[in-house]
Structures are given as C-alpha cells and as structure tokens.
Amino acid sequence: MTDAGLHVQKKFEKELASGTVSLVLLAVLAQAAEPMYGYQIAKRLEDSGGVLGGKQSTLYPVLRNLDAAGLLNSRIEPSISGPPRRYYRITDVGREALAAWTSTWQATRDSVDSVLEGAP
C-alpha cells in the first residue's frame, strides 16, 4: 500500500473506531455484574477482539464523555496497589442508549454488508 493509501486507511480506521468504542463500552458495562475500572474494561475489550487497537488511552476520554452524558455513573475508590481507581457502572439511561445504538449499529451493518456483497 502506498503512503497515501496507508494514510487514508488509518483515517478510516480512526473514524470507524470513534463511533464503535462508545457502543462497546456500554455493552461491556451492561454485561458486567459489578462496576469496572478502566483497565478492566480495556482488558475485556482486548480479550474480545481488540476494539481499541491497543490504544487504551482512547478509552478514558470516551468513558468521561459517557459519564458526563449520564449514560454511566462513576465513583473513585482507593487502591491498595497504586493510585485511586475510577469505577464505572451503566445507568438506566445508558441501557436505553445501548438498545437504541445497537439497533442503529445492526441496521447500518446490514446496509453496508448489502452494498459490499453487491460489489464486484
């Protein structure tokens, strides 16, 4: 791939990831029995296919935005092995958003798949 092609590919991957990270964060937290802190969430995502692409630093601004939007609740707890940890739990509003976003994701995925399957 040329340098220009590689640049376009990276840009596409970044734009695609920016929309999907919020969706998968809500899904991970909806499936969790207990509140989770950032590193736990990142490991869960890494274990399920690497949505973050190894860039855990992208996780924290998204978590803060979801928290500020009322889709998550967070609390800080002291840690025995290091600095305090911020734990996140999905809210009822977050669960509603997750359901709506999942529906949108599925419709978008189906539409894109339909077009791609028709491509030569």
Protein backbone atom coordinates (compact mmCIF):
# COMPACT_ATOMS: atom_id res chain seq x y z
CA MET A 1 0.00 0.00 0.00
CA THR A 2 1.30 3.48 -0.83
CA ASP A 3 1.91 6.11 1.85
CA ALA A 4 -1.22 7.96 0.69
CA GLY A 5 -3.24 4.75 0.79
CA LEU A 6 -1.92 3.93 4.25
CA HIS A 7 -2.84 7.41 5.48
CA VAL A 8 -6.39 7.06 4.15
CA GLN A 9 -6.66 3.59 5.72
CA LYS A 10 -5.56 4.90 9.14
CA LYS A 11 -8.04 7.79 8.91
CA PHE A 12 -10.87 5.39 8.03
CA GLU A 13 -9.99 3.09 10.95
CA LYS A 14 -9.89 6.04 13.37
CA GLU A 15 -13.28 7.35 12.24
CA LEU A 16 -14.85 3.90 12.38
CA ALA A 17 -13.44 3.22 15.85
CA SER A 18 -14.60 6.53 17.27
CA GLY A 19 -18.24 5.60 16.78
CA THR A 20 -17.98 2.00 17.88
CA VAL A 21 -15.98 2.45 21.09
CA SER A 22 -18.91 4.11 22.90
CA LEU A 23 -21.22 1.29 21.83
CA VAL A 24 -18.92 -1.48 23.00
CA LEU A 25 -18.11 0.32 26.27
CA LEU A 26 -21.80 0.47 27.11
CA ALA A 27 -22.18 -3.20 26.14
CA VAL A 28 -19.28 -4.30 28.34
CA LEU A 29 -20.64 -2.37 31.31
CA ALA A 30 -24.18 -3.64 30.70
CA GLN A 31 -22.87 -7.21 30.86
CA ALA A 32 -20.79 -6.61 34.00
CA ALA A 33 -22.15 -7.79 37.33
CA GLU A 34 -20.08 -5.19 39.20
CA PRO A 35 -18.71 -1.72 38.39
CA MET A 36 -15.45 -1.85 36.43
CA TYR A 37 -12.42 0.43 36.25
CA GLY A 38 -10.72 1.49 33.04
CA TYR A 39 -8.02 -1.17 32.88
CA GLN A 40 -10.57 -3.96 33.49
CA ILE A 41 -12.72 -2.60 30.67
CA ALA A 42 -9.72 -2.31 28.35
CA LYS A 43 -8.70 -5.92 29.09
CA ARG A 44 -12.24 -7.15 28.42
CA LEU A 45 -12.25 -5.33 25.08
CA GLU A 46 -8.79 -6.64 24.22
CA ASP A 47 -9.84 -10.20 25.05
CA SER A 48 -12.89 -9.90 22.79
CA GLY A 49 -11.15 -8.71 19.66
CA GLY A 50 -9.20 -5.55 20.35
CA VAL A 51 -11.73 -2.82 19.54
CA LEU A 52 -9.31 -0.27 20.97
CA GLY A 53 -6.50 -1.46 18.74
CA GLY A 54 -4.09 -1.47 21.68
CA LYS A 55 -4.73 2.21 22.45
CA GLN A 56 -6.09 2.19 25.98
CA SER A 57 -5.61 5.95 26.20
CA THR A 58 -8.58 6.41 23.83
CA LEU A 59 -10.81 4.65 26.34
CA TYR A 60 -10.67 7.24 29.12
CA PRO A 61 -11.98 10.30 27.25
CA VAL A 62 -14.89 8.22 25.96
CA LEU A 63 -15.68 6.96 29.48
CA ARG A 64 -15.61 10.56 30.76
CA ASN A 65 -17.94 11.69 27.97
CA LEU A 66 -20.39 8.85 28.63
CA ASP A 67 -20.28 9.68 32.35
CA ALA A 68 -20.89 13.39 31.68
CA ALA A 69 -23.83 12.48 29.41
CA GLY A 70 -25.44 10.47 32.21
CA LEU A 71 -25.01 7.13 30.46
CA LEU A 72 -22.59 5.95 33.15
CA ASN A 73 -22.10 6.60 36.84
CA SER A 74 -18.62 6.65 38.27
CA ARG A 75 -17.00 6.69 41.66
CA ILE A 76 -13.41 6.82 42.83
CA GLU A 77 -12.11 4.23 45.26
CA PRO A 78 -8.67 3.92 46.84
CA SER A 79 -6.44 1.15 45.51
CA ILE A 80 -4.04 -0.93 47.58
CA SER A 81 -1.65 -1.35 44.66
CA GLY A 82 -1.49 2.18 43.25
CA PRO A 83 -3.43 5.36 42.65
CA PRO A 84 -7.19 5.55 43.26
CA ARG A 85 -9.36 3.91 40.60
CA ARG A 86 -12.48 5.27 38.97
CA TYR A 87 -15.17 2.60 38.70
CA TYR A 88 -17.95 2.84 36.10
CA ARG A 89 -21.46 1.40 36.04
CA ILE A 90 -24.05 1.80 33.29
CA THR A 91 -27.18 3.80 34.18
CA ASP A 92 -30.77 3.17 33.11
CA VAL A 93 -30.36 5.96 30.55
CA GLY A 94 -27.19 4.20 29.37
CA ARG A 95 -29.13 0.96 28.91
CA GLU A 96 -31.73 2.81 26.83
CA ALA A 97 -28.96 4.35 24.73
CA LEU A 98 -27.32 0.95 24.32
CA ALA A 99 -30.56 -0.54 22.99
CA ALA A 100 -31.03 2.32 20.53
CA TRP A 101 -27.39 2.34 19.42
CA THR A 102 -27.41 -1.45 18.99
CA SER A 103 -30.43 -1.16 16.72
CA THR A 104 -28.72 1.59 14.72
CA TRP A 105 -25.50 -0.44 14.53
CA GLN A 106 -27.32 -3.52 13.26
CA ALA A 107 -29.23 -1.56 10.61
CA THR A 108 -26.02 0.18 9.48
CA ARG A 109 -24.08 -3.09 9.43
CA ASP A 110 -26.80 -4.80 7.40
CA SER A 111 -26.94 -1.92 4.93
CA VAL A 112 -23.15 -1.78 4.49
CA ASP A 113 -22.95 -5.58 4.15
CA SER A 114 -25.63 -5.49 1.49
CA VAL A 115 -23.70 -2.94 -0.55
CA LEU A 116 -20.36 -4.69 -0.05
CA GLU A 117 -21.77 -8.06 -1.07
CA GLY A 118 -23.01 -6.50 -4.30
CA ALA A 119 -19.59 -5.01 -5.05
CA PRO A 120 -17.53 -6.67 -7.79
